[in-house]
């Protein structure tokens, strides 16, 4: 009986460690994606778009969906050929750092 309690405890502990490890990897990947979004934005968009464009009274982007459409349109107009994940990284970077949307999907 004491052995089964020990095994049960070890299984719960292993499960908790796996969960924490997965959360840490997810957070690290999330931070890397935001960093890539920042780099793409600064290297390709910020040449023309100063911070003022995101704070103007009549913003074109009123939601993350609007922002996604705008980023996709502009990267296409510029011939950048970004992948969907790169577009999403820029969208998430802007949504979190410039527009402060509460819904990010």
PDB file of N, CA and C in Angstrom:
ATOM      1  N   UNK A   1       0.829  -1.196   0.000  1.00  0.00           N
ATOM      2  CA  UNK A   1       0.000   0.000   0.000  1.00  0.00           C
ATOM      3  C   UNK A   1       0.869   1.253   0.000  1.00  0.00           C
ATOM      4  N   UNK A   2       1.910   1.287   0.808  1.00  0.00           N
ATOM      5  CA  UNK A   2       2.802   2.429   0.840  1.00  0.00           C
ATOM      6  C   UNK A   2       3.491   2.645  -0.492  1.00  0.00           C
ATOM      7  N   UNK A   3       3.736   1.567  -1.195  1.00  0.00           N
ATOM      8  CA  UNK A   3       4.396   1.657  -2.493  1.00  0.00           C
ATOM      9  C   UNK A   3       3.483   2.320  -3.521  1.00  0.00           C
ATOM     10  N   UNK A   4       2.187   2.003  -3.501  1.00  0.00           N
ATOM     11  CA  UNK A   4       1.267   2.591  -4.483  1.00  0.00           C
ATOM     12  C   UNK A   4       1.077   4.087  -4.226  1.00  0.00           C
ATOM     13  N   UNK A   5       1.128   4.509  -2.968  1.00  0.00           N
ATOM     14  CA  UNK A   5       1.049   5.937  -2.665  1.00  0.00           C
ATOM     15  C   UNK A   5       2.287   6.634  -3.211  1.00  0.00           C
ATOM     16  N   UNK A   6       3.430   6.027  -3.054  1.00  0.00           N
ATOM     17  CA  UNK A   6       4.668   6.595  -3.573  1.00  0.00           C
ATOM     18  C   UNK A   6       4.644   6.693  -5.089  1.00  0.00           C
ATOM     19  N   UNK A   7       4.132   5.672  -5.752  1.00  0.00           N
ATOM     20  CA  UNK A   7       4.052   5.681  -7.210  1.00  0.00           C
ATOM     21  C   UNK A   7       3.078   6.757  -7.665  1.00  0.00           C
ATOM     22  N   UNK A   8       1.945   6.859  -6.983  1.00  0.00           N
ATOM     23  CA  UNK A   8       0.955   7.877  -7.326  1.00  0.00           C
ATOM     24  C   UNK A   8       1.552   9.275  -7.170  1.00  0.00           C
ATOM     25  N   UNK A   9       2.269   9.480  -6.084  1.00  0.00           N
ATOM     26  CA  UNK A   9       2.917  10.774  -5.861  1.00  0.00           C
ATOM     27  C   UNK A   9       3.923  11.075  -6.968  1.00  0.00           C
ATOM     28  N   UNK A  10       4.738  10.089  -7.312  1.00  0.00           N
ATOM     29  CA  UNK A  10       5.745  10.285  -8.360  1.00  0.00           C
ATOM     30  C   UNK A  10       5.101  10.581  -9.713  1.00  0.00           C
ATOM     31  N   UNK A  11       3.987   9.931 -10.006  1.00  0.00           N
ATOM     32  CA  UNK A  11       3.281  10.199 -11.265  1.00  0.00           C
ATOM     33  C   UNK A  11       2.727  11.621 -11.293  1.00  0.00           C
ATOM     34  N   UNK A  12       2.167  12.060 -10.162  1.00  0.00           N
ATOM     35  CA  UNK A  12       1.662  13.441 -10.094  1.00  0.00           C
ATOM     36  C   UNK A  12       2.800  14.442 -10.204  1.00  0.00           C
ATOM     37  N   UNK A  13       3.911  14.148  -9.549  1.00  0.00           N
ATOM     38  CA  UNK A  13       5.070  15.032  -9.616  1.00  0.00           C
ATOM     39  C   UNK A  13       5.623  15.108 -11.042  1.00  0.00           C
ATOM     40  N   UNK A  14       5.725  13.980 -11.700  1.00  0.00           N
ATOM     41  CA  UNK A  14       6.218  13.964 -13.089  1.00  0.00           C
ATOM     42  C   UNK A  14       5.282  14.738 -13.998  1.00  0.00           C
ATOM     43  N   UNK A  15       3.993  14.612 -13.764  1.00  0.00           N
ATOM     44  CA  UNK A  15       3.012  15.346 -14.563  1.00  0.00           C
ATOM     45  C   UNK A  15       3.150  16.853 -14.361  1.00  0.00           C
ATOM     46  N   UNK A  16       3.334  17.268 -13.110  1.00  0.00           N
ATOM     47  CA  UNK A  16       3.500  18.693 -12.804  1.00  0.00           C
ATOM     48  C   UNK A  16       4.781  19.245 -13.427  1.00  0.00           C
ATOM     49  N   UNK A  17       5.855  18.488 -13.361  1.00  0.00           N
ATOM     50  CA  UNK A  17       7.125  18.921 -13.953  1.00  0.00           C
ATOM     51  C   UNK A  17       6.978  19.046 -15.465  1.00  0.00           C
ATOM     52  N   UNK A  18       6.300  18.095 -16.093  1.00  0.00           N
ATOM     53  CA  UNK A  18       6.088  18.148 -17.545  1.00  0.00           C
ATOM     54  C   UNK A  18       5.260  19.370 -17.914  1.00  0.00           C
ATOM     55  N   UNK A  19       4.233  19.669 -17.122  1.00  0.00           N
ATOM     56  CA  UNK A  19       3.389  20.838 -17.396  1.00  0.00           C
ATOM     57  C   UNK A  19       4.194  22.127 -17.292  1.00  0.00           C
ATOM     58  N   UNK A  20       4.977  22.268 -16.242  1.00  0.00           N
ATOM     59  CA  UNK A  20       5.793  23.471 -16.053  1.00  0.00           C
ATOM     60  C   UNK A  20       6.810  23.592 -17.176  1.00  0.00           C
ATOM     61  N   UNK A  21       7.414  22.503 -17.571  1.00  0.00           N
ATOM     62  CA  UNK A  21       8.379  22.525 -18.667  1.00  0.00           C
ATOM     63  C   UNK A  21       7.730  22.947 -19.971  1.00  0.00           C
ATOM     64  N   UNK A  22       6.529  22.451 -20.244  1.00  0.00           N
ATOM     65  CA  UNK A  22       5.801  22.827 -21.458  1.00  0.00           C
ATOM     66  C   UNK A  22       5.441  24.305 -21.423  1.00  0.00           C
ATOM     67  N   UNK A  23       5.012  24.797 -20.279  1.00  0.00           N
ATOM     68  CA  UNK A  23       4.664  26.214 -20.149  1.00  0.00           C
ATOM     69  C   UNK A  23       5.886  27.087 -20.384  1.00  0.00           C
ATOM     70  N   UNK A  24       7.029  26.690 -19.867  1.00  0.00           N
ATOM     71  CA  UNK A  24       8.247  27.472 -20.056  1.00  0.00           C
ATOM     72  C   UNK A  24       8.657  27.508 -21.520  1.00  0.00           C
ATOM     73  N   UNK A  25       8.554  26.377 -22.215  1.00  0.00           N
ATOM     74  CA  UNK A  25       8.886  26.331 -23.639  1.00  0.00           C
ATOM     75  C   UNK A  25       7.914  27.200 -24.425  1.00  0.00           C
ATOM     76  N   UNK A  26       6.634  27.156 -24.075  1.00  0.00           N
ATOM     77  CA  UNK A  26       5.627  27.968 -24.758  1.00  0.00           C
ATOM     78  C   UNK A  26       5.906  29.448 -24.556  1.00  0.00           C
ATOM     79  N   UNK A  27       6.228  29.857 -23.339  1.00  0.00           N
ATOM     80  CA  UNK A  27       6.541  31.251 -23.070  1.00  0.00           C
ATOM     81  C   UNK A  27       7.787  31.696 -23.820  1.00  0.00           C
ATOM     82  N   UNK A  28       8.799  30.843 -23.873  1.00  0.00           N
ATOM     83  CA  UNK A  28      10.017  31.183 -24.587  1.00  0.00           C
ATOM     84  C   UNK A  28       9.740  31.327 -26.078  1.00  0.00           C
ATOM     85  N   UNK A  29       8.965  30.419 -26.655  1.00  0.00           N
ATOM     86  CA  UNK A  29       8.614  30.499 -28.076  1.00  0.00           C
ATOM     87  C   UNK A  29       7.795  31.753 -28.346  1.00  0.00           C
ATOM     88  N   UNK A  30       6.892  32.082 -27.423  1.00  0.00           N
ATOM     89  CA  UNK A  30       6.064  33.286 -27.565  1.00  0.00           C
ATOM     90  C   UNK A  30       6.945  34.533 -27.575  1.00  0.00           C
ATOM     91  N   UNK A  31       7.908  34.588 -26.680  1.00  0.00           N
ATOM     92  CA  UNK A  31       8.817  35.740 -26.623  1.00  0.00           C
ATOM     93  C   UNK A  31       9.645  35.834 -27.893  1.00  0.00           C
ATOM     94  N   UNK A  32      10.091  34.688 -28.414  1.00  0.00           N
ATOM     95  CA  UNK A  32      10.857  34.694 -29.657  1.00  0.00           C
ATOM     96  C   UNK A  32      10.000  35.193 -30.816  1.00  0.00           C
ATOM     97  N   UNK A  33       8.727  34.798 -30.855  1.00  0.00           N
ATOM     98  CA  UNK A  33       7.840  35.237 -31.920  1.00  0.00           C
ATOM     99  C   UNK A  33       7.607  36.739 -31.859  1.00  0.00           C
ATOM    100  N   UNK A  34       7.425  37.280 -30.657  1.00  0.00           N
ATOM    101  CA  UNK A  34       7.266  38.726 -30.525  1.00  0.00           C
ATOM    102  C   UNK A  34       8.540  39.446 -30.941  1.00  0.00           C
ATOM    103  N   UNK A  35       9.679  38.881 -30.618  1.00  0.00           N
ATOM    104  CA  UNK A  35      10.951  39.476 -31.018  1.00  0.00           C
ATOM    105  C   UNK A  35      11.086  39.463 -32.540  1.00  0.00           C
ATOM    106  N   UNK A  36      10.710  38.363 -33.156  1.00  0.00           N
ATOM    107  CA  UNK A  36      10.770  38.307 -34.620  1.00  0.00           C
ATOM    108  C   UNK A  36       9.792  39.307 -35.225  1.00  0.00           C
ATOM    109  N   UNK A  37       8.603  39.437 -34.641  1.00  0.00           N
ATOM    110  CA  UNK A  37       7.644  40.429 -35.114  1.00  0.00           C
ATOM    111  C   UNK A  37       8.197  41.833 -35.021  1.00  0.00           C
ATOM    112  N   UNK A  38       8.876  42.131 -33.925  1.00  0.00           N
ATOM    113  CA  UNK A  38       9.501  43.446 -33.744  1.00  0.00           C
ATOM    114  C   UNK A  38      10.570  43.672 -34.813  1.00  0.00           C
ATOM    115  N   UNK A  39      11.409  42.677 -35.027  1.00  0.00           N
ATOM    116  CA  UNK A  39      12.477  42.812 -36.013  1.00  0.00           C
ATOM    117  C   UNK A  39      11.923  43.017 -37.424  1.00  0.00           C
ATOM    118  N   UNK A  40      10.919  42.241 -37.799  1.00  0.00           N
ATOM    119  CA  UNK A  40      10.316  42.396 -39.121  1.00  0.00           C
ATOM    120  C   UNK A  40       9.713  43.789 -39.272  1.00  0.00           C
ATOM    121  N   UNK A  41       8.998  44.221 -38.239  1.00  0.00           N
ATOM    122  CA  UNK A  41       8.368  45.546 -38.277  1.00  0.00           C
ATOM    123  C   UNK A  41       9.422  46.646 -38.395  1.00  0.00           C
ATOM    124  N   UNK A  42      10.441  46.579 -37.559  1.00  0.00           N
ATOM    125  CA  UNK A  42      11.466  47.624 -37.567  1.00  0.00           C
ATOM    126  C   UNK A  42      12.263  47.638 -38.868  1.00  0.00           C
ATOM    127  N   UNK A  43      12.490  46.484 -39.458  1.00  0.00           N
ATOM    128  CA  UNK A  43      13.286  46.419 -40.681  1.00  0.00           C
ATOM    129  C   UNK A  43      12.496  46.731 -41.946  1.00  0.00           C
ATOM    130  N   UNK A  44      11.186  46.530 -41.912  1.00  0.00           N
ATOM    131  CA  UNK A  44      10.414  46.674 -43.141  1.00  0.00           C
ATOM    132  C   UNK A  44       9.293  47.707 -43.076  1.00  0.00           C
ATOM    133  N   UNK A  45       8.805  48.029 -41.928  1.00  0.00           N
ATOM    134  CA  UNK A  45       7.620  48.893 -41.822  1.00  0.00           C
ATOM    135  C   UNK A  45       7.932  50.252 -41.215  1.00  0.00           C
ATOM    136  N   UNK A  46       8.808  50.251 -40.233  1.00  0.00           N
ATOM    137  CA  UNK A  46       9.056  51.456 -39.457  1.00  0.00           C
ATOM    138  C   UNK A  46       9.769  52.545 -40.260  1.00  0.00           C
ATOM    139  N   UNK A  47      10.284  52.194 -41.420  1.00  0.00           N
ATOM    140  CA  UNK A  47      10.908  53.205 -42.275  1.00  0.00           C
ATOM    141  C   UNK A  47       9.898  54.276 -42.650  1.00  0.00           C
ATOM    142  N   UNK A  48       8.666  53.866 -42.873  1.00  0.00           N
ATOM    143  CA  UNK A  48       7.599  54.806 -43.247  1.00  0.00           C
ATOM    144  C   UNK A  48       6.624  55.068 -42.103  1.00  0.00           C
ATOM    145  N   UNK A  49       6.408  54.055 -41.266  1.00  0.00           N
ATOM    146  CA  UNK A  49       5.421  54.162 -40.190  1.00  0.00           C
ATOM    147  C   UNK A  49       6.093  54.505 -38.869  1.00  0.00           C
ATOM    148  N   UNK A  50       6.004  55.747 -38.469  1.00  0.00           N
ATOM    149  CA  UNK A  50       6.501  56.118 -37.149  1.00  0.00           C
ATOM    150  C   UNK A  50       5.454  55.704 -36.121  1.00  0.00           C
ATOM    151  N   UNK A  51       5.771  55.845 -34.858  1.00  0.00           N
ATOM    152  CA  UNK A  51       4.831  55.473 -33.791  1.00  0.00           C
ATOM    153  C   UNK A  51       3.532  56.268 -33.886  1.00  0.00           C
ATOM    154  N   UNK A  52       3.579  57.447 -34.492  1.00  0.00           N
ATOM    155  CA  UNK A  52       2.389  58.283 -34.600  1.00  0.00           C
ATOM    156  C   UNK A  52       1.276  57.623 -35.400  1.00  0.00           C
ATOM    157  N   UNK A  53       1.630  56.823 -36.390  1.00  0.00           N
ATOM    158  CA  UNK A  53       0.611  56.210 -37.241  1.00  0.00           C
ATOM    159  C   UNK A  53      -0.299  55.281 -36.430  1.00  0.00           C
ATOM    160  N   UNK A  54       0.216  54.693 -35.383  1.00  0.00           N
ATOM    161  CA  UNK A  54      -0.567  53.760 -34.571  1.00  0.00           C
ATOM    162  C   UNK A  54      -1.389  54.464 -33.501  1.00  0.00           C
ATOM    163  N   UNK A  55      -1.094  55.719 -33.251  1.00  0.00           N
ATOM    164  CA  UNK A  55      -1.788  56.463 -32.201  1.00  0.00           C
ATOM    165  C   UNK A  55      -2.748  57.511 -32.761  1.00  0.00           C
ATOM    166  N   UNK A  56      -2.880  57.575 -34.078  1.00  0.00           N
ATOM    167  CA  UNK A  56      -3.745  58.604 -34.658  1.00  0.00           C
ATOM    168  C   UNK A  56      -5.205  58.381 -34.278  1.00  0.00           C
ATOM    169  N   UNK A  57      -5.976  59.436 -34.328  1.00  0.00           N
ATOM    170  CA  UNK A  57      -7.364  59.396 -33.886  1.00  0.00           C
ATOM    171  C   UNK A  57      -8.215  58.438 -34.732  1.00  0.00           C
ATOM    172  N   UNK A  58      -8.060  58.481 -36.034  1.00  0.00           N
ATOM    173  CA  UNK A  58      -8.845  57.621 -36.927  1.00  0.00           C
ATOM    174  C   UNK A  58      -8.029  56.396 -37.339  1.00  0.00           C
ATOM    175  N   UNK A  59      -7.821  55.495 -36.396  1.00  0.00           N
ATOM    176  CA  UNK A  59      -7.034  54.300 -36.656  1.00  0.00           C
ATOM    177  C   UNK A  59      -7.740  53.407 -37.665  1.00  0.00           C
ATOM    178  N   UNK A  60      -6.969  52.851 -38.585  1.00  0.00           N
ATOM    179  CA  UNK A  60      -7.528  51.911 -39.549  1.00  0.00           C
ATOM    180  C   UNK A  60      -7.772  50.553 -38.896  1.00  0.00           C
ATOM    181  N   UNK A  61      -6.946  50.183 -37.953  1.00  0.00           N
ATOM    182  CA  UNK A  61      -7.066  48.888 -37.284  1.00  0.00           C
ATOM    183  C   UNK A  61      -7.832  49.043 -35.978  1.00  0.00           C
ATOM    184  N   UNK A  62      -9.030  48.495 -35.953  1.00  0.00           N
ATOM    185  CA  UNK A  62      -9.849  48.546 -34.739  1.00  0.00           C
ATOM    186  C   UNK A  62      -9.918  47.190 -34.040  1.00  0.00           C
ATOM    187  N   UNK A  63      -9.313  46.190 -34.664  1.00  0.00           N
ATOM    188  CA  UNK A  63      -9.282  44.849 -34.086  1.00  0.00           C
ATOM    189  C   UNK A  63      -8.045  44.126 -34.598  1.00  0.00           C
ATOM    190  N   UNK A  64      -7.760  42.973 -34.023  1.00  0.00           N
ATOM    191  CA  UNK A  64      -6.632  42.176 -34.480  1.00  0.00           C
ATOM    192  C   UNK A  64      -6.876  41.709 -35.910  1.00  0.00           C
ATOM    193  N   UNK A  65      -8.111  41.403 -36.251  1.00  0.00           N
ATOM    194  CA  UNK A  65      -8.438  41.002 -37.619  1.00  0.00           C
ATOM    195  C   UNK A  65      -8.146  42.111 -38.615  1.00  0.00           C
ATOM    196  N   UNK A  66      -8.537  43.352 -38.264  1.00  0.00           N
ATOM    197  CA  UNK A  66      -8.216  44.500 -39.122  1.00  0.00           C
ATOM    198  C   UNK A  66      -6.705  44.642 -39.277  1.00  0.00           C
ATOM    199  N   UNK A  67      -6.003  44.513 -38.173  1.00  0.00           N
ATOM    200  CA  UNK A  67      -4.547  44.657 -38.180  1.00  0.00           C
ATOM    201  C   UNK A  67      -3.914  43.579 -39.062  1.00  0.00           C
ATOM    202  N   UNK A  68      -4.412  42.354 -38.951  1.00  0.00           N
ATOM    203  CA  UNK A  68      -3.904  41.244 -39.767  1.00  0.00           C
ATOM    204  C   UNK A  68      -4.092  41.544 -41.254  1.00  0.00           C
ATOM    205  N   UNK A  69      -5.269  42.053 -41.610  1.00  0.00           N
ATOM    206  CA  UNK A  69      -5.537  42.398 -43.014  1.00  0.00           C
ATOM    207  C   UNK A  69      -4.587  43.489 -43.506  1.00  0.00           C
ATOM    208  N   UNK A  70      -4.355  44.489 -42.676  1.00  0.00           N
ATOM    209  CA  UNK A  70      -3.477  45.608 -43.051  1.00  0.00           C
ATOM    210  C   UNK A  70      -2.034  45.135 -43.219  1.00  0.00           C
ATOM    211  N   UNK A  71      -1.532  44.361 -42.257  1.00  0.00           N
ATOM    212  CA  UNK A  71      -0.156  43.863 -42.343  1.00  0.00           C
ATOM    213  C   UNK A  71       0.000  42.985 -43.579  1.00  0.00           C
ATOM    214  N   UNK A  72      -0.966  42.123 -43.819  1.00  0.00           N
ATOM    215  CA  UNK A  72      -0.896  41.244 -44.984  1.00  0.00           C
ATOM    216  C   UNK A  72      -0.908  42.053 -46.286  1.00  0.00           C
ATOM    217  N   UNK A  73      -1.776  43.029 -46.366  1.00  0.00           N
ATOM    218  CA  UNK A  73      -1.866  43.859 -47.576  1.00  0.00           C
ATOM    219  C   UNK A  73      -0.556  44.602 -47.828  1.00  0.00           C
ATOM    220  N   UNK A  74       0.011  45.213 -46.778  1.00  0.00           N
ATOM    221  CA  UNK A  74       1.233  45.995 -46.955  1.00  0.00           C
ATOM    222  C   UNK A  74       2.447  45.132 -47.259  1.00  0.00           C
ATOM    223  N   UNK A  75       2.548  43.973 -46.623  1.00  0.00           N
ATOM    224  CA  UNK A  75       3.697  43.118 -46.948  1.00  0.00           C
ATOM    225  C   UNK A  75       3.594  42.638 -48.384  1.00  0.00           C
ATOM    226  N   UNK A  76       2.390  42.397 -48.853  1.00  0.00           N
ATOM    227  CA  UNK A  76       2.190  41.997 -50.244  1.00  0.00           C
ATOM    228  C   UNK A  76       2.512  43.145 -51.196  1.00  0.00           C
ATOM    229  N   UNK A  77       2.019  44.366 -50.872  1.00  0.00           N
ATOM    230  CA  UNK A  77       2.301  45.542 -51.700  1.00  0.00           C
ATOM    231  C   UNK A  77       3.802  45.807 -51.827  1.00  0.00           C
ATOM    232  N   UNK A  78       4.535  45.497 -50.768  1.00  0.00           N
ATOM    233  CA  UNK A  78       5.978  45.731 -50.760  1.00  0.00           C
ATOM    234  C   UNK A  78       6.762  44.551 -51.348  1.00  0.00           C
ATOM    235  N   UNK A  79       6.059  43.489 -51.736  1.00  0.00           N
ATOM    236  CA  UNK A  79       6.719  42.322 -52.318  1.00  0.00           C
ATOM    237  C   UNK A  79       7.568  41.545 -51.333  1.00  0.00           C
ATOM    238  N   UNK A  80       7.189  41.567 -50.051  1.00  0.00           N
ATOM    239  CA  UNK A  80       7.995  40.918 -49.018  1.00  0.00           C
ATOM    240  C   UNK A  80       7.829  39.401 -48.984  1.00  0.00           C
ATOM    241  N   UNK A  81       6.690  38.904 -49.405  1.00  0.00           N
ATOM    242  CA  UNK A  81       6.411  37.460 -49.442  1.00  0.00           C
ATOM    243  C   UNK A  81       6.571  36.788 -48.079  1.00  0.00           C
ATOM    244  N   UNK A  82       6.028  37.442 -47.038  1.00  0.00           N
ATOM    245  CA  UNK A  82       6.081  36.864 -45.696  1.00  0.00           C
ATOM    246  C   UNK A  82       5.196  35.638 -45.619  1.00  0.00           C
ATOM    247  N   UNK A  83       5.637  34.678 -44.820  1.00  0.00           N
ATOM    248  CA  UNK A  83       4.817  33.507 -44.514  1.00  0.00           C
ATOM    249  C   UNK A  83       3.732  33.926 -43.515  1.00  0.00           C
ATOM    250  N   UNK A  84       2.732  33.068 -43.359  1.00  0.00           N
ATOM    251  CA  UNK A  84       1.638  33.376 -42.422  1.00  0.00           C
ATOM    252  C   UNK A  84       2.147  33.568 -41.000  1.00  0.00           C
ATOM    253  N   UNK A  85       3.128  32.765 -40.578  1.00  0.00           N
ATOM    254  CA  UNK A  85       3.640  32.907 -39.213  1.00  0.00           C
ATOM    255  C   UNK A  85       4.387  34.226 -39.030  1.00  0.00           C
ATOM    256  N   UNK A  86       5.043  34.718 -40.064  1.00  0.00           N
ATOM    257  CA  UNK A  86       5.725  36.005 -39.966  1.00  0.00           C
ATOM    258  C   UNK A  86       4.712  37.149 -39.893  1.00  0.00           C
ATOM    259  N   UNK A  87       3.663  37.060 -40.689  1.00  0.00           N
ATOM    260  CA  UNK A  87       2.589  38.053 -40.628  1.00  0.00           C
ATOM    261  C   UNK A  87       1.991  38.061 -39.231  1.00  0.00           C
ATOM    262  N   UNK A  88       1.720  36.875 -38.702  1.00  0.00           N
ATOM    263  CA  UNK A  88       1.125  36.769 -37.371  1.00  0.00           C
ATOM    264  C   UNK A  88       2.053  37.326 -36.302  1.00  0.00           C
ATOM    265  N   UNK A  89       3.351  37.118 -36.440  1.00  0.00           N
ATOM    266  CA  UNK A  89       4.305  37.665 -35.466  1.00  0.00           C
ATOM    267  C   UNK A  89       4.263  39.188 -35.461  1.00  0.00           C
ATOM    268  N   UNK A  90       4.193  39.806 -36.636  1.00  0.00           N
ATOM    269  CA  UNK A  90       4.115  41.267 -36.713  1.00  0.00           C
ATOM    270  C   UNK A  90       2.780  41.740 -36.147  1.00  0.00           C
ATOM    271  N   UNK A  91       1.704  41.045 -36.482  1.00  0.00           N
ATOM    272  CA  UNK A  91       0.376  41.399 -35.961  1.00  0.00           C
ATOM    273  C   UNK A  91       0.376  41.346 -34.443  1.00  0.00           C
ATOM    274  N   UNK A  92       0.892  40.269 -33.872  1.00  0.00           N
ATOM    275  CA  UNK A  92       0.905  40.132 -32.412  1.00  0.00           C
ATOM    276  C   UNK A  92       1.804  41.180 -31.767  1.00  0.00           C
ATOM    277  N   UNK A  93       2.935  41.467 -32.384  1.00  0.00           N
ATOM    278  CA  UNK A  93       3.826  42.507 -31.860  1.00  0.00           C
ATOM    279  C   UNK A  93       3.093  43.845 -31.811  1.00  0.00           C
ATOM    280  N   UNK A  94       2.456  44.224 -32.915  1.00  0.00           N
ATOM    281  CA  UNK A  94       1.739  45.505 -32.952  1.00  0.00           C
ATOM    282  C   UNK A  94       0.536  45.501 -32.010  1.00  0.00           C
ATOM    283  N   UNK A  95      -0.196  44.405 -31.973  1.00  0.00           N
ATOM    284  CA  UNK A  95      -1.387  44.317 -31.118  1.00  0.00           C
ATOM    285  C   UNK A  95      -1.021  44.503 -29.647  1.00  0.00           C
ATOM    286  N   UNK A  96       0.133  43.992 -29.248  1.00  0.00           N
ATOM    287  CA  UNK A  96       0.548  44.064 -27.849  1.00  0.00           C
ATOM    288  C   UNK A  96       1.285  45.350 -27.495  1.00  0.00           C
ATOM    289  N   UNK A  97       2.034  45.907 -28.449  1.00  0.00           N
ATOM    290  CA  UNK A  97       2.912  47.026 -28.111  1.00  0.00           C
ATOM    291  C   UNK A  97       2.447  48.379 -28.617  1.00  0.00           C
ATOM    292  N   UNK A  98       1.576  48.405 -29.612  1.00  0.00           N
ATOM    293  CA  UNK A  98       1.133  49.670 -30.188  1.00  0.00           C
ATOM    294  C   UNK A  98      -0.368  49.905 -30.020  1.00  0.00           C
ATOM    295  N   UNK A  99      -1.150  48.841 -30.166  1.00  0.00           N
ATOM    296  CA  UNK A  99      -2.606  48.996 -30.133  1.00  0.00           C
ATOM    297  C   UNK A  99      -3.215  48.571 -28.807  1.00  0.00           C
ATOM    298  N   UNK A 100      -2.520  47.723 -28.077  1.00  0.00           N
ATOM    299  CA  UNK A 100      -2.964  47.255 -26.754  1.00  0.00           C
ATOM    300  C   UNK A 100      -4.354  46.641 -26.807  1.00  0.00           C
ATOM    301  N   UNK A 101      -4.605  45.831 -27.841  1.00  0.00           N
ATOM    302  CA  UNK A 101      -5.884  45.119 -27.942  1.00  0.00           C
ATOM    303  C   UNK A 101      -5.996  44.121 -26.799  1.00  0.00           C
ATOM    304  N   UNK A 102      -7.192  43.965 -26.270  1.00  0.00           N
ATOM    305  CA  UNK A 102      -7.397  42.998 -25.190  1.00  0.00           C
ATOM    306  C   UNK A 102      -7.637  41.595 -25.738  1.00  0.00           C
ATOM    307  N   UNK A 103      -8.164  41.483 -26.949  1.00  0.00           N
ATOM    308  CA  UNK A 103      -8.331  40.194 -27.612  1.00  0.00           C
ATOM    309  C   UNK A 103      -7.254  40.097 -28.669  1.00  0.00           C
ATOM    310  N   UNK A 104      -6.442  39.036 -28.595  1.00  0.00           N
ATOM    311  CA  UNK A 104      -5.280  38.957 -29.470  1.00  0.00           C
ATOM    312  C   UNK A 104      -5.404  37.927 -30.591  1.00  0.00           C
ATOM    313  N   UNK A 105      -6.572  37.402 -30.819  1.00  0.00           N
ATOM    314  CA  UNK A 105      -6.764  36.440 -31.930  1.00  0.00           C
ATOM    315  C   UNK A 105      -7.899  36.841 -32.809  1.00  0.00           C
TER     316      UNK A 105
END
